[in-house]
Amino acid sequence: DVLSVSCAYRAMRLFVLIALALLPATLSMDCYSGKGDNPGIRHGCDIDYDFCYTLEYEDDTPRRGCSLYDQIYCTEEGVTKYRFASSPANLTCCRGELCNNQGL
């Protein structure tokens, strides 16, 4: 009857909403190891389009994050172009397994 169809529709809609809520967690990677200027902050980066970067300033303070979020342009080779004119020292990028190998 109409009531059971309505109930099934609501249940299906709820399931879809829960699945969509969980989706970003499966398609992101954590780029933060808990060191640097904001200990404990974790960045979820888009695993398909984003790179994890590590940037060490002149005072040796490492900063880690997602390249898209922080507008740091990385290439597949790990060579990087910073958002400002010159590229700072000790800027590295990685993606996926490469990040794990670097211990990021």
PDB file of N, CA and C in Angstrom:
ATOM      1  N   ASP A   1       0.837  -1.207   0.000  1.00  0.00           N
ATOM      2  CA  ASP A   1       0.000   0.000   0.000  1.00  0.00           C
ATOM      3  C   ASP A   1       0.871   1.255   0.000  1.00  0.00           C
ATOM      4  N   VAL A   2       0.238   2.406   0.071  1.00  0.00           N
ATOM      5  CA  VAL A   2       0.942   3.682  -0.040  1.00  0.00           C
ATOM      6  C   VAL A   2       1.882   3.906   1.140  1.00  0.00           C
ATOM      7  N   LEU A   3       1.467   3.484   2.326  1.00  0.00           N
ATOM      8  CA  LEU A   3       2.275   3.714   3.527  1.00  0.00           C
ATOM      9  C   LEU A   3       3.606   2.971   3.455  1.00  0.00           C
ATOM     10  N   SER A   4       3.595   1.712   3.016  1.00  0.00           N
ATOM     11  CA  SER A   4       4.833   0.938   2.972  1.00  0.00           C
ATOM     12  C   SER A   4       5.775   1.462   1.884  1.00  0.00           C
ATOM     13  N   VAL A   5       5.233   1.931   0.777  1.00  0.00           N
ATOM     14  CA  VAL A   5       6.057   2.521  -0.285  1.00  0.00           C
ATOM     15  C   VAL A   5       6.734   3.786   0.230  1.00  0.00           C
ATOM     16  N   SER A   6       5.974   4.612   0.947  1.00  0.00           N
ATOM     17  CA  SER A   6       6.513   5.848   1.507  1.00  0.00           C
ATOM     18  C   SER A   6       7.611   5.555   2.521  1.00  0.00           C
ATOM     19  N   CYS A   7       7.395   4.532   3.330  1.00  0.00           N
ATOM     20  CA  CYS A   7       8.379   4.152   4.344  1.00  0.00           C
ATOM     21  C   CYS A   7       9.663   3.635   3.669  1.00  0.00           C
ATOM     22  N   ALA A   8       9.505   2.823   2.647  1.00  0.00           N
ATOM     23  CA  ALA A   8      10.663   2.295   1.926  1.00  0.00           C
ATOM     24  C   ALA A   8      11.442   3.424   1.252  1.00  0.00           C
ATOM     25  N   TYR A   9      10.718   4.387   0.710  1.00  0.00           N
ATOM     26  CA  TYR A   9      11.373   5.525   0.052  1.00  0.00           C
ATOM     27  C   TYR A   9      12.189   6.327   1.064  1.00  0.00           C
ATOM     28  N   ARG A  10      11.604   6.557   2.237  1.00  0.00           N
ATOM     29  CA  ARG A  10      12.317   7.296   3.284  1.00  0.00           C
ATOM     30  C   ARG A  10      13.570   6.559   3.723  1.00  0.00           C
ATOM     31  N   ALA A  11      13.462   5.242   3.886  1.00  0.00           N
ATOM     32  CA  ALA A  11      14.606   4.437   4.309  1.00  0.00           C
ATOM     33  C   ALA A  11      15.713   4.490   3.257  1.00  0.00           C
ATOM     34  N   MET A  12      15.324   4.418   1.979  1.00  0.00           N
ATOM     35  CA  MET A  12      16.308   4.463   0.905  1.00  0.00           C
ATOM     36  C   MET A  12      16.988   5.839   0.864  1.00  0.00           C
ATOM     37  N   ARG A  13      16.201   6.884   1.049  1.00  0.00           N
ATOM     38  CA  ARG A  13      16.748   8.241   1.040  1.00  0.00           C
ATOM     39  C   ARG A  13      17.728   8.442   2.189  1.00  0.00           C
ATOM     40  N   LEU A  14      17.400   7.900   3.341  1.00  0.00           N
ATOM     41  CA  LEU A  14      18.284   7.997   4.499  1.00  0.00           C
ATOM     42  C   LEU A  14      19.589   7.249   4.240  1.00  0.00           C
ATOM     43  N   PHE A  15      19.485   6.075   3.631  1.00  0.00           N
ATOM     44  CA  PHE A  15      20.678   5.290   3.303  1.00  0.00           C
ATOM     45  C   PHE A  15      21.590   6.057   2.342  1.00  0.00           C
ATOM     46  N   VAL A  16      21.005   6.688   1.333  1.00  0.00           N
ATOM     47  CA  VAL A  16      21.776   7.465   0.363  1.00  0.00           C
ATOM     48  C   VAL A  16      22.473   8.639   1.047  1.00  0.00           C
ATOM     49  N   LEU A  17      21.777   9.310   1.944  1.00  0.00           N
ATOM     50  CA  LEU A  17      22.372  10.441   2.664  1.00  0.00           C
ATOM     51  C   LEU A  17      23.545   9.990   3.524  1.00  0.00           C
ATOM     52  N   ILE A  18      23.403   8.853   4.183  1.00  0.00           N
ATOM     53  CA  ILE A  18      24.499   8.327   5.015  1.00  0.00           C
ATOM     54  C   ILE A  18      25.681   7.947   4.134  1.00  0.00           C
ATOM     55  N   ALA A  19      25.403   7.311   2.992  1.00  0.00           N
ATOM     56  CA  ALA A  19      26.479   6.915   2.073  1.00  0.00           C
ATOM     57  C   ALA A  19      27.224   8.140   1.556  1.00  0.00           C
ATOM     58  N   LEU A  20      26.490   9.202   1.237  1.00  0.00           N
ATOM     59  CA  LEU A  20      27.122  10.432   0.753  1.00  0.00           C
ATOM     60  C   LEU A  20      27.961  11.082   1.849  1.00  0.00           C
ATOM     61  N   ALA A  21      27.502  10.977   3.087  1.00  0.00           N
ATOM     62  CA  ALA A  21      28.246  11.567   4.202  1.00  0.00           C
ATOM     63  C   ALA A  21      29.565  10.832   4.435  1.00  0.00           C
ATOM     64  N   LEU A  22      29.575   9.520   4.174  1.00  0.00           N
ATOM     65  CA  LEU A  22      30.779   8.727   4.391  1.00  0.00           C
ATOM     66  C   LEU A  22      31.746   8.791   3.208  1.00  0.00           C
ATOM     67  N   LEU A  23      31.248   9.181   2.050  1.00  0.00           N
ATOM     68  CA  LEU A  23      32.051   9.171   0.834  1.00  0.00           C
ATOM     69  C   LEU A  23      33.333  10.000   0.922  1.00  0.00           C
ATOM     70  N   PRO A  24      33.291  11.249   1.417  1.00  0.00           N
ATOM     71  CA  PRO A  24      34.529  12.030   1.463  1.00  0.00           C
ATOM     72  C   PRO A  24      35.634  11.365   2.283  1.00  0.00           C
ATOM     73  N   ALA A  25      35.263  10.610   3.294  1.00  0.00           N
ATOM     74  CA  ALA A  25      36.267   9.948   4.130  1.00  0.00           C
ATOM     75  C   ALA A  25      37.024   8.884   3.342  1.00  0.00           C
ATOM     76  N   THR A  26      36.353   8.270   2.380  1.00  0.00           N
ATOM     77  CA  THR A  26      37.014   7.211   1.625  1.00  0.00           C
ATOM     78  C   THR A  26      37.838   7.772   0.473  1.00  0.00           C
ATOM     79  N   LEU A  27      37.560   8.992   0.051  1.00  0.00           N
ATOM     80  CA  LEU A  27      38.256   9.560  -1.103  1.00  0.00           C
ATOM     81  C   LEU A  27      39.272  10.625  -0.697  1.00  0.00           C
ATOM     82  N   SER A  28      39.681  10.613   0.549  1.00  0.00           N
ATOM     83  CA  SER A  28      40.644  11.617   0.983  1.00  0.00           C
ATOM     84  C   SER A  28      41.839  10.936   1.634  1.00  0.00           C
ATOM     85  N   MET A  29      42.927  11.674   1.739  1.00  0.00           N
ATOM     86  CA  MET A  29      44.101  11.143   2.426  1.00  0.00           C
ATOM     87  C   MET A  29      44.543  12.158   3.463  1.00  0.00           C
ATOM     88  N   ASP A  30      45.089  11.659   4.527  1.00  0.00           N
ATOM     89  CA  ASP A  30      45.532  12.537   5.603  1.00  0.00           C
ATOM     90  C   ASP A  30      46.956  12.980   5.324  1.00  0.00           C
ATOM     91  N   CYS A  31      47.162  14.286   5.325  1.00  0.00           N
ATOM     92  CA  CYS A  31      48.478  14.821   4.962  1.00  0.00           C
ATOM     93  C   CYS A  31      49.225  15.392   6.153  1.00  0.00           C
ATOM     94  N   TYR A  32      48.780  15.110   7.333  1.00  0.00           N
ATOM     95  CA  TYR A  32      49.378  15.790   8.477  1.00  0.00           C
ATOM     96  C   TYR A  32      49.900  14.783   9.485  1.00  0.00           C
ATOM     97  N   SER A  33      51.101  14.973   9.947  1.00  0.00           N
ATOM     98  CA  SER A  33      51.678  14.013  10.893  1.00  0.00           C
ATOM     99  C   SER A  33      51.639  14.518  12.336  1.00  0.00           C
ATOM    100  N   GLY A  34      51.051  15.699  12.547  1.00  0.00           N
ATOM    101  CA  GLY A  34      50.935  16.210  13.896  1.00  0.00           C
ATOM    102  C   GLY A  34      52.112  17.057  14.336  1.00  0.00           C
ATOM    103  N   LYS A  35      53.038  17.372  13.408  1.00  0.00           N
ATOM    104  CA  LYS A  35      54.177  18.224  13.744  1.00  0.00           C
ATOM    105  C   LYS A  35      53.996  19.585  13.076  1.00  0.00           C
ATOM    106  N   GLY A  36      54.767  20.537  13.520  1.00  0.00           N
ATOM    107  CA  GLY A  36      54.754  21.828  12.825  1.00  0.00           C
ATOM    108  C   GLY A  36      53.984  22.896  13.559  1.00  0.00           C
ATOM    109  N   ASP A  37      53.445  23.845  12.783  1.00  0.00           N
ATOM    110  CA  ASP A  37      52.891  25.032  13.417  1.00  0.00           C
ATOM    111  C   ASP A  37      51.493  24.813  14.001  1.00  0.00           C
ATOM    112  N   ASN A  38      50.791  23.776  13.570  1.00  0.00           N
ATOM    113  CA  ASN A  38      49.468  23.501  14.124  1.00  0.00           C
ATOM    114  C   ASN A  38      49.343  22.034  14.514  1.00  0.00           C
ATOM    115  N   PRO A  39      50.012  21.603  15.573  1.00  0.00           N
ATOM    116  CA  PRO A  39      49.985  20.184  15.932  1.00  0.00           C
ATOM    117  C   PRO A  39      48.559  19.697  16.156  1.00  0.00           C
ATOM    118  N   GLY A  40      48.284  18.526  15.649  1.00  0.00           N
ATOM    119  CA  GLY A  40      46.974  17.924  15.888  1.00  0.00           C
ATOM    120  C   GLY A  40      45.950  18.220  14.821  1.00  0.00           C
ATOM    121  N   ILE A  41      46.155  19.229  13.991  1.00  0.00           N
ATOM    122  CA  ILE A  41      45.203  19.519  12.932  1.00  0.00           C
ATOM    123  C   ILE A  41      45.413  18.514  11.807  1.00  0.00           C
ATOM    124  N   ARG A  42      44.314  17.948  11.332  1.00  0.00           N
ATOM    125  CA  ARG A  42      44.421  16.952  10.268  1.00  0.00           C
ATOM    126  C   ARG A  42      43.736  17.483   9.018  1.00  0.00           C
ATOM    127  N   HIS A  43      44.401  17.328   7.894  1.00  0.00           N
ATOM    128  CA  HIS A  43      43.854  17.783   6.620  1.00  0.00           C
ATOM    129  C   HIS A  43      43.406  16.579   5.810  1.00  0.00           C
ATOM    130  N   GLY A  44      42.171  16.597   5.332  1.00  0.00           N
ATOM    131  CA  GLY A  44      41.729  15.564   4.399  1.00  0.00           C
ATOM    132  C   GLY A  44      41.853  16.100   2.990  1.00  0.00           C
ATOM    133  N   CYS A  45      42.732  15.509   2.216  1.00  0.00           N
ATOM    134  CA  CYS A  45      42.972  15.974   0.856  1.00  0.00           C
ATOM    135  C   CYS A  45      42.244  15.091  -0.137  1.00  0.00           C
ATOM    136  N   ASP A  46      41.839  15.671  -1.230  1.00  0.00           N
ATOM    137  CA  ASP A  46      41.206  14.930  -2.307  1.00  0.00           C
ATOM    138  C   ASP A  46      42.245  14.013  -2.944  1.00  0.00           C
ATOM    139  N   ILE A  47      41.996  12.727  -2.934  1.00  0.00           N
ATOM    140  CA  ILE A  47      43.023  11.771  -3.337  1.00  0.00           C
ATOM    141  C   ILE A  47      43.275  11.777  -4.843  1.00  0.00           C
ATOM    142  N   ASP A  48      42.310  12.252  -5.624  1.00  0.00           N
ATOM    143  CA  ASP A  48      42.479  12.256  -7.079  1.00  0.00           C
ATOM    144  C   ASP A  48      43.159  13.507  -7.598  1.00  0.00           C
ATOM    145  N   TYR A  49      42.913  14.637  -6.976  1.00  0.00           N
ATOM    146  CA  TYR A  49      43.380  15.901  -7.537  1.00  0.00           C
ATOM    147  C   TYR A  49      44.411  16.614  -6.678  1.00  0.00           C
ATOM    148  N   ASP A  50      44.572  16.174  -5.462  1.00  0.00           N
ATOM    149  CA  ASP A  50      45.350  16.945  -4.507  1.00  0.00           C
ATOM    150  C   ASP A  50      46.691  16.282  -4.205  1.00  0.00           C
ATOM    151  N   PHE A  51      47.625  17.079  -3.770  1.00  0.00           N
ATOM    152  CA  PHE A  51      48.900  16.585  -3.272  1.00  0.00           C
ATOM    153  C   PHE A  51      49.024  16.952  -1.804  1.00  0.00           C
ATOM    154  N   CYS A  52      49.783  16.156  -1.079  1.00  0.00           N
ATOM    155  CA  CYS A  52      50.223  16.560   0.252  1.00  0.00           C
ATOM    156  C   CYS A  52      51.537  17.303   0.062  1.00  0.00           C
ATOM    157  N   TYR A  53      51.702  18.380   0.772  1.00  0.00           N
ATOM    158  CA  TYR A  53      52.971  19.095   0.660  1.00  0.00           C
ATOM    159  C   TYR A  53      53.586  19.288   2.034  1.00  0.00           C
ATOM    160  N   THR A  54      54.880  19.397   2.042  1.00  0.00           N
ATOM    161  CA  THR A  54      55.617  19.778   3.246  1.00  0.00           C
ATOM    162  C   THR A  54      56.456  20.982   2.881  1.00  0.00           C
ATOM    163  N   LEU A  55      56.324  22.008   3.657  1.00  0.00           N
ATOM    164  CA  LEU A  55      57.044  23.249   3.396  1.00  0.00           C
ATOM    165  C   LEU A  55      57.817  23.611   4.656  1.00  0.00           C
ATOM    166  N   GLU A  56      59.129  23.737   4.541  1.00  0.00           N
ATOM    167  CA  GLU A  56      59.935  24.126   5.691  1.00  0.00           C
ATOM    168  C   GLU A  56      60.413  25.550   5.496  1.00  0.00           C
ATOM    169  N   TYR A  57      60.000  26.402   6.409  1.00  0.00           N
ATOM    170  CA  TYR A  57      60.401  27.809   6.358  1.00  0.00           C
ATOM    171  C   TYR A  57      61.846  27.955   6.828  1.00  0.00           C
ATOM    172  N   GLU A  58      62.348  29.162   6.709  1.00  0.00           N
ATOM    173  CA  GLU A  58      63.748  29.411   7.076  1.00  0.00           C
ATOM    174  C   GLU A  58      64.004  29.176   8.566  1.00  0.00           C
ATOM    175  N   ASP A  59      62.956  29.291   9.367  1.00  0.00           N
ATOM    176  CA  ASP A  59      63.138  29.031  10.801  1.00  0.00           C
ATOM    177  C   ASP A  59      62.936  27.548  11.131  1.00  0.00           C
ATOM    178  N   ASP A  60      62.935  26.707  10.080  1.00  0.00           N
ATOM    179  CA  ASP A  60      62.813  25.250  10.234  1.00  0.00           C
ATOM    180  C   ASP A  60      61.481  24.802  10.830  1.00  0.00           C
ATOM    181  N   THR A  61      60.445  25.593  10.645  1.00  0.00           N
ATOM    182  CA  THR A  61      59.123  25.188  11.098  1.00  0.00           C
ATOM    183  C   THR A  61      58.412  24.480   9.951  1.00  0.00           C
ATOM    184  N   PRO A  62      58.205  23.174  10.047  1.00  0.00           N
ATOM    185  CA  PRO A  62      57.541  22.484   8.933  1.00  0.00           C
ATOM    186  C   PRO A  62      56.040  22.749   8.930  1.00  0.00           C
ATOM    187  N   ARG A  63      55.513  22.917   7.773  1.00  0.00           N
ATOM    188  CA  ARG A  63      54.063  23.063   7.610  1.00  0.00           C
ATOM    189  C   ARG A  63      53.616  22.009   6.604  1.00  0.00           C
ATOM    190  N   ARG A  64      52.559  21.284   6.930  1.00  0.00           N
ATOM    191  CA  ARG A  64      52.040  20.263   6.035  1.00  0.00           C
ATOM    192  C   ARG A  64      50.588  20.563   5.730  1.00  0.00           C
ATOM    193  N   GLY A  65      50.180  20.192   4.545  1.00  0.00           N
ATOM    194  CA  GLY A  65      48.788  20.427   4.207  1.00  0.00           C
ATOM    195  C   GLY A  65      48.433  19.916   2.830  1.00  0.00           C
ATOM    196  N   CYS A  66      47.276  20.358   2.347  1.00  0.00           N
ATOM    197  CA  CYS A  66      46.779  19.965   1.034  1.00  0.00           C
ATOM    198  C   CYS A  66      47.100  21.067   0.042  1.00  0.00           C
ATOM    199  N   SER A  67      47.643  20.667  -1.095  1.00  0.00           N
ATOM    200  CA  SER A  67      48.107  21.665  -2.061  1.00  0.00           C
ATOM    201  C   SER A  67      46.971  22.527  -2.602  1.00  0.00           C
ATOM    202  N   LEU A  68      45.820  21.938  -2.872  1.00  0.00           N
ATOM    203  CA  LEU A  68      44.722  22.732  -3.416  1.00  0.00           C
ATOM    204  C   LEU A  68      44.214  23.739  -2.397  1.00  0.00           C
ATOM    205  N   TYR A  69      44.071  23.280  -1.166  1.00  0.00           N
ATOM    206  CA  TYR A  69      43.544  24.145  -0.117  1.00  0.00           C
ATOM    207  C   TYR A  69      44.453  25.346   0.124  1.00  0.00           C
ATOM    208  N   ASP A  70      45.747  25.104   0.115  1.00  0.00           N
ATOM    209  CA  ASP A  70      46.705  26.168   0.414  1.00  0.00           C
ATOM    210  C   ASP A  70      47.301  26.807  -0.834  1.00  0.00           C
ATOM    211  N   GLN A  71      46.762  26.438  -2.025  1.00  0.00           N
ATOM    212  CA  GLN A  71      47.202  27.034  -3.289  1.00  0.00           C
ATOM    213  C   GLN A  71      48.699  26.867  -3.530  1.00  0.00           C
ATOM    214  N   ILE A  72      49.172  25.680  -3.270  1.00  0.00           N
ATOM    215  CA  ILE A  72      50.553  25.347  -3.598  1.00  0.00           C
ATOM    216  C   ILE A  72      50.490  24.359  -4.752  1.00  0.00           C
ATOM    217  N   TYR A  73      51.137  24.697  -5.838  1.00  0.00           N
ATOM    218  CA  TYR A  73      50.976  23.940  -7.073  1.00  0.00           C
ATOM    219  C   TYR A  73      52.052  22.872  -7.192  1.00  0.00           C
ATOM    220  N   CYS A  74      51.627  21.635  -7.215  1.00  0.00           N
ATOM    221  CA  CYS A  74      52.544  20.511  -7.301  1.00  0.00           C
ATOM    222  C   CYS A  74      52.381  19.826  -8.653  1.00  0.00           C
ATOM    223  N   THR A  75      53.442  19.187  -9.093  1.00  0.00           N
ATOM    224  CA  THR A  75      53.374  18.415 -10.326  1.00  0.00           C
ATOM    225  C   THR A  75      53.622  16.953 -10.010  1.00  0.00           C
ATOM    226  N   GLU A  76      53.377  16.102 -10.973  1.00  0.00           N
ATOM    227  CA  GLU A  76      53.521  14.657 -10.771  1.00  0.00           C
ATOM    228  C   GLU A  76      54.928  14.270 -10.336  1.00  0.00           C
ATOM    229  N   GLU A  77      55.929  15.012 -10.807  1.00  0.00           N
ATOM    230  CA  GLU A  77      57.309  14.665 -10.481  1.00  0.00           C
ATOM    231  C   GLU A  77      57.701  15.090  -9.076  1.00  0.00           C
ATOM    232  N   GLY A  78      56.801  15.808  -8.393  1.00  0.00           N
ATOM    233  CA  GLY A  78      57.138  16.292  -7.067  1.00  0.00           C
ATOM    234  C   GLY A  78      57.822  17.649  -7.115  1.00  0.00           C
ATOM    235  N   VAL A  79      58.060  18.156  -8.329  1.00  0.00           N
ATOM    236  CA  VAL A  79      58.595  19.511  -8.466  1.00  0.00           C
ATOM    237  C   VAL A  79      57.434  20.470  -8.230  1.00  0.00           C
ATOM    238  N   THR A  80      57.708  21.544  -7.549  1.00  0.00           N
ATOM    239  CA  THR A  80      56.600  22.388  -7.121  1.00  0.00           C
ATOM    240  C   THR A  80      56.756  23.834  -7.570  1.00  0.00           C
ATOM    241  N   LYS A  81      55.609  24.488  -7.650  1.00  0.00           N
ATOM    242  CA  LYS A  81      55.591  25.914  -7.923  1.00  0.00           C
ATOM    243  C   LYS A  81      54.746  26.559  -6.831  1.00  0.00           C
ATOM    244  N   TYR A  82      55.316  27.461  -6.112  1.00  0.00           N
ATOM    245  CA  TYR A  82      54.624  28.073  -4.987  1.00  0.00           C
ATOM    246  C   TYR A  82      53.662  29.139  -5.492  1.00  0.00           C
ATOM    247  N   ARG A  83      52.710  29.535  -4.654  1.00  0.00           N
ATOM    248  CA  ARG A  83      51.725  30.513  -5.097  1.00  0.00           C
ATOM    249  C   ARG A  83      52.336  31.898  -5.276  1.00  0.00           C
ATOM    250  N   PHE A  84      53.487  32.128  -4.654  1.00  0.00           N
ATOM    251  CA  PHE A  84      54.172  33.401  -4.852  1.00  0.00           C
ATOM    252  C   PHE A  84      55.224  33.242  -5.948  1.00  0.00           C
ATOM    253  N   ALA A  85      55.902  34.302  -6.287  1.00  0.00           N
ATOM    254  CA  ALA A  85      56.798  34.301  -7.445  1.00  0.00           C
ATOM    255  C   ALA A  85      57.920  33.279  -7.324  1.00  0.00           C
ATOM    256  N   SER A  86      58.543  33.223  -6.172  1.00  0.00           N
ATOM    257  CA  SER A  86      59.677  32.309  -6.033  1.00  0.00           C
ATOM    258  C   SER A  86      59.287  31.103  -5.191  1.00  0.00           C
ATOM    259  N   SER A  87      59.935  30.004  -5.449  1.00  0.00           N
ATOM    260  CA  SER A  87      59.657  28.783  -4.706  1.00  0.00           C
ATOM    261  C   SER A  87      60.537  28.749  -3.456  1.00  0.00           C
ATOM    262  N   PRO A  88      59.949  28.565  -2.294  1.00  0.00           N
ATOM    263  CA  PRO A  88      60.754  28.542  -1.063  1.00  0.00           C
ATOM    264  C   PRO A  88      61.589  27.271  -0.964  1.00  0.00           C
ATOM    265  N   ALA A  89      62.586  27.325  -0.127  1.00  0.00           N
ATOM    266  CA  ALA A  89      63.447  26.157   0.066  1.00  0.00           C
ATOM    267  C   ALA A  89      62.665  25.031   0.744  1.00  0.00           C
ATOM    268  N   ASN A  90      63.060  23.815   0.444  1.00  0.00           N
ATOM    269  CA  ASN A  90      62.527  22.629   1.106  1.00  0.00           C
ATOM    270  C   ASN A  90      61.016  22.487   0.977  1.00  0.00           C
ATOM    271  N   LEU A  91      60.534  22.622  -0.243  1.00  0.00           N
ATOM    272  CA  LEU A  91      59.117  22.394  -0.519  1.00  0.00           C
ATOM    273  C   LEU A  91      59.007  21.082  -1.288  1.00  0.00           C
ATOM    274  N   THR A  92      58.334  20.114  -0.708  1.00  0.00           N
ATOM    275  CA  THR A  92      58.172  18.818  -1.357  1.00  0.00           C
ATOM    276  C   THR A  92      56.699  18.455  -1.428  1.00  0.00           C
ATOM    277  N   CYS A  93      56.354  17.721  -2.462  1.00  0.00           N
ATOM    278  CA  CYS A  93      54.974  17.273  -2.640  1.00  0.00           C
ATOM    279  C   CYS A  93      54.952  15.767  -2.837  1.00  0.00           C
ATOM    280  N   CYS A  94      53.849  15.162  -2.455  1.00  0.00           N
ATOM    281  CA  CYS A  94      53.695  13.732  -2.666  1.00  0.00           C
ATOM    282  C   CYS A  94      52.215  13.424  -2.796  1.00  0.00           C
ATOM    283  N   ARG A  95      51.932  12.220  -3.262  1.00  0.00           N
ATOM    284  CA  ARG A  95      50.539  11.798  -3.404  1.00  0.00           C
ATOM    285  C   ARG A  95      50.451  10.297  -3.148  1.00  0.00           C
ATOM    286  N   GLY A  96      49.469   9.894  -2.384  1.00  0.00           N
ATOM    287  CA  GLY A  96      49.208   8.470  -2.173  1.00  0.00           C
ATOM    288  C   GLY A  96      50.345   7.731  -1.489  1.00  0.00           C
ATOM    289  N   GLU A  97      50.782   6.635  -2.115  1.00  0.00           N
ATOM    290  CA  GLU A  97      51.814   5.788  -1.527  1.00  0.00           C
ATOM    291  C   GLU A  97      53.130   6.537  -1.336  1.00  0.00           C
ATOM    292  N   LEU A  98      53.400   7.489  -2.231  1.00  0.00           N
ATOM    293  CA  LEU A  98      54.620   8.283  -2.124  1.00  0.00           C
ATOM    294  C   LEU A  98      54.686   8.991  -0.772  1.00  0.00           C
ATOM    295  N   CYS A  99      53.545   9.482  -0.300  1.00  0.00           N
ATOM    296  CA  CYS A  99      53.503  10.148   1.002  1.00  0.00           C
ATOM    297  C   CYS A  99      53.865   9.173   2.119  1.00  0.00           C
ATOM    298  N   ASN A 100      53.351   7.965   2.025  1.00  0.00           N
ATOM    299  CA  ASN A 100      53.645   6.974   3.051  1.00  0.00           C
ATOM    300  C   ASN A 100      55.132   6.662   3.081  1.00  0.00           C
ATOM    301  N   ASN A 101      55.734   6.608   1.891  1.00  0.00           N
ATOM    302  CA  ASN A 101      57.168   6.331   1.818  1.00  0.00           C
ATOM    303  C   ASN A 101      57.990   7.455   2.438  1.00  0.00           C
ATOM    304  N   GLN A 102      57.490   8.679   2.334  1.00  0.00           N
ATOM    305  CA  GLN A 102      58.210   9.821   2.894  1.00  0.00           C
ATOM    306  C   GLN A 102      57.901  10.008   4.375  1.00  0.00           C
ATOM    307  N   GLY A 103      56.994   9.203   4.902  1.00  0.00           N
ATOM    308  CA  GLY A 103      56.657   9.306   6.312  1.00  0.00           C
ATOM    309  C   GLY A 103      55.789  10.497   6.647  1.00  0.00           C
ATOM    310  N   LEU A 104      55.067  11.027   5.661  1.00  0.00           N
ATOM    311  CA  LEU A 104      54.189  12.177   5.924  1.00  0.00           C
ATOM    312  C   LEU A 104      52.852  11.702   6.442  1.00  0.00           C
TER     313      LEU A 104
END
